[in-house]
Amino acid sequence: MSASESPRANSSAQPNVGGVSRILVRGVNWLGDAVMTTPALRRLRELHPGARVTLLMPEKISDLFVGHPAVDEVATFAAGESPWRIGRRLRPGRFDLAVVFPNSPRSALEVWFAGARRRVGYARSWRSLFLTDAVPTRVDERPMRKRSVGEIHRLVGTSSSRSVAFPAQVHHIYQYLHLIRAIGGSAEACEPRLQVTDAEHAAARVRLGTRATTWIGLNAGAEYGPAKRWPIDRFIAVAKRLAEERGCGLVLFGGKPDGVLTSEIEQEVHQAHPMGAVVNVAGKTSLRELCALMSLCRVVLTNDTGPMHVAAAVGATVVVPFGSTSPELTGPGLPGAGRHAFLRSSAPCSPCFLRKCPIDFRCMSEISVDSVTEAVLDALRR
């Protein structure tokens, strides 16, 4: 396990509240979820301004919190490390309080092995025994229930449009804020934020070059599965129109598995507009570089992915075609703020939360190139 420091100015001058001076937060395991924990981390900092906060999370996404003002130290663990080994390494920290964001039994076991005096997390089977404060499921929680194939066929066989209605505060951000409320903090939502340094900004500007003054990001992949992916030919059509109508530079984002997708977009745009500025960074960035490059984009057109949340948290406006998932539950940014654009069809089976569509992919195919292009242009105008 390794650790990185994120010192806060004047932290030693702040008072300790309720005798809490050392806090362990068991962070989540996925990129998008990690971004959605940042409002809760901010509220935790407000509740205990003088405490030292250690965030425990997987190595693969730990760089996300470099320099974050709500965190003093990031402790990491490798894939396959046992809860006992992780807890033993943390035990010298002598934590007064542990807040456990994930719902897994092993995350509660890790902080129990770490010897944290007070351990707060949601009550779940096989883990409440390891918590001192097992918090009941919140009233507004809405699990992402996968629809069965039979249910989908029944829904599309009706004449009704999409009619899923979610009450206020169902967004996953509140899942983490509710735990902060359980220990006396505020559960008021705020904009998820990530930090990018001046040096990181400067390096990203050099990488993009000077061929364009306005950059738009495109993120056409989605790790979860094809049901989240707006068709690639439509990404290409939007990219060509943006290059033609606005002369915008394009930054193509994605992981290593998205190399074929981004290469296809790059080639198609270059054929249509040989002088256009296209920078393909898919599979060629660290997490910190991804944050910096996305922060230079005015708008990012993206599927519902972890980088979608990153783009919003570093200041870009995001435009997202939603099909199998729900922006009310896991959309980027501050819930209900209206800064980002979410496009959806009227498919009655959406959201189904499946990895692969069992029918005709109507939830995505009904979202047109014109509507997405106009959403991007509108974001640029704003």
Foldseek 3Di string as FASTA:
>chain_A
DDKDFQDDPPLQVDDAPPPFAEEEEEADAFQLRRLLQQQLLVQVCVVGVNHAYEYEYAPQRQVQARNPNSHGMYHHDYPPDALLVLLVVLQVSAGQEYEYLDPDQSSLSNVLSVVHNAYFDADDPNHVVSHPHHHYDDPQEDDQAFDDPVVLVVQQVDPAFADDDGDPPHACSLSSLVRSVVVPTDSDGAWRATDADPVLLVVLDVLQDDLFDAEEEEEQDAVLADLQGQDLVLVLVLVLCCCVVPVHAYEYEAAPVCVVSLVVSVVSNCVSPVSGHYHYCHNPDRPNNLLSNLLRHQEYEYTPHSSQQSSVNSPHAYEYEGFQDDCSHRNHTTPPPPLHHYDWDRSRCPNNNDRDDPDDSCGNVVGHSVNRSVRVVVSVVD
